[in-house]
Protein backbone atom coordinates (compact mmCIF):
# COMPACT_ATOMS: atom_id res chain seq x y z
CA UNK A 1 -0.03 0.00 0.02
CA UNK A 2 1.28 3.43 -0.91
CA UNK A 3 0.02 6.94 0.16
CA UNK A 4 0.44 9.67 -2.23
CA UNK A 5 0.68 13.19 -0.99
CA UNK A 6 -2.19 15.27 -2.22
CA UNK A 7 -1.10 18.79 -1.02
CA UNK A 8 1.58 20.55 0.87
CA UNK A 9 2.75 19.18 4.16
CA UNK A 10 1.74 22.29 6.00
CA UNK A 11 -2.00 22.50 6.02
CA UNK A 12 -2.01 26.19 6.87
CA UNK A 13 0.26 27.33 4.06
CA UNK A 14 -2.69 27.64 1.73
CA UNK A 15 -4.35 30.20 4.09
CA UNK A 16 -1.24 32.35 4.69
CA UNK A 17 -0.71 33.44 1.13
CA UNK A 18 -1.68 37.02 0.59
CA UNK A 19 -2.03 39.20 -2.37
CA UNK A 20 0.70 41.68 -2.96
CA UNK A 21 -0.23 45.19 -1.95
CA UNK A 22 -1.01 47.67 -4.68
CA UNK A 23 1.54 50.34 -5.25
CA UNK A 24 0.39 53.92 -4.47
CA UNK A 25 0.20 56.18 -7.32
CA UNK A 26 1.55 59.72 -6.97
CA UNK A 27 -2.03 61.01 -6.60
CA UNK A 28 -2.73 58.89 -3.61
CA UNK A 29 0.60 59.40 -1.98
CA UNK A 30 -0.02 63.04 -0.83
CA UNK A 31 -2.00 63.42 2.35
CA UNK A 32 -3.93 66.53 3.14
CA UNK A 33 -6.05 67.89 5.93
CA UNK A 34 -8.82 70.42 5.72
CA UNK A 35 -9.74 72.39 8.90
CA UNK A 36 -13.11 73.94 8.93
CA UNK A 37 -13.81 77.57 9.81
CA UNK A 38 -15.70 76.46 12.90
CA UNK A 39 -12.69 74.39 14.09
CA UNK A 40 -10.34 77.28 13.60
CA UNK A 41 -12.80 79.62 15.54
CA UNK A 42 -13.06 76.96 18.30
CA UNK A 43 -9.27 76.72 18.59
CA UNK A 44 -8.89 80.44 18.79
CA UNK A 45 -11.46 80.61 21.54
CA UNK A 46 -9.76 77.85 23.57
CA UNK A 47 -6.49 79.60 23.15
CA UNK A 48 -7.97 82.89 24.35
CA UNK A 49 -9.56 81.06 27.36
CA UNK A 50 -6.20 79.50 28.29
CA UNK A 51 -4.59 83.00 28.24
CA UNK A 52 -7.35 84.44 30.38
CA UNK A 53 -7.15 81.52 32.87
CA UNK A 54 -3.36 82.01 33.20
CA UNK A 55 -3.63 85.76 33.92
CA UNK A 56 -3.75 86.86 37.53
CA UNK A 57 -7.10 87.85 38.93
CA UNK A 58 -5.82 91.10 40.45
CA UNK A 59 -3.57 93.50 38.61
CA UNK A 60 -1.42 94.66 41.45
CA UNK A 61 0.08 97.57 39.43
CA UNK A 62 -3.40 99.03 39.03
CA UNK A 63 -4.10 98.48 42.80
CA UNK A 64 -0.90 100.29 43.73
CA UNK A 65 -1.71 103.19 41.40
CA UNK A 66 -5.22 103.58 42.88
CA UNK A 67 -3.88 103.44 46.47
CA UNK A 68 -1.35 106.11 45.64
CA UNK A 69 -4.13 108.33 44.20
CA UNK A 70 -6.42 107.70 47.17
CA UNK A 71 -3.68 108.84 49.57
CA UNK A 72 -3.85 112.31 48.01
CA UNK A 73 -6.73 114.32 49.46
CA UNK A 74 -7.20 116.40 46.34
CA UNK A 75 -7.94 113.29 44.19
CA UNK A 76 -11.30 112.52 45.73
CA UNK A 77 -13.98 114.90 44.59
CA UNK A 78 -17.64 114.65 43.51
CA UNK A 79 -16.72 113.68 39.92
CA UNK A 80 -14.60 110.78 41.09
CA UNK A 81 -17.16 109.56 43.65
CA UNK A 82 -19.90 109.71 40.98
CA UNK A 83 -17.81 107.74 38.48
CA UNK A 84 -17.01 105.07 41.00
CA UNK A 85 -20.62 104.73 42.05
CA UNK A 86 -21.74 104.52 38.39
CA UNK A 87 -19.22 101.80 37.70
CA UNK A 88 -20.25 99.81 40.75
CA UNK A 89 -23.85 99.97 39.87
CA UNK A 90 -23.02 98.80 36.36
CA UNK A 91 -21.11 95.77 37.82
CA UNK A 92 -24.02 94.74 40.07
CA UNK A 93 -26.58 95.42 37.29
CA UNK A 94 -28.48 98.00 39.21
């Protein structure tokens, strides 16, 4: 009795053969990205928000300037008081 081989010895070899990949043409080789107007606007807003978050809450240079002005007795008059009152009312929405 003889046994003739019907196929390759490795039974998985018929499954491991793959097609060769297609070569890219010059048209397909270049990649590009398009960024929408909304995405650019959103990025600008995020950048501005990061700058605002990193800024100090109190500008000490302005505080020192105002303190120096308040030490002078001739600075405070009715016009200054009225301007301060108007701004405070605007801040509180009154």
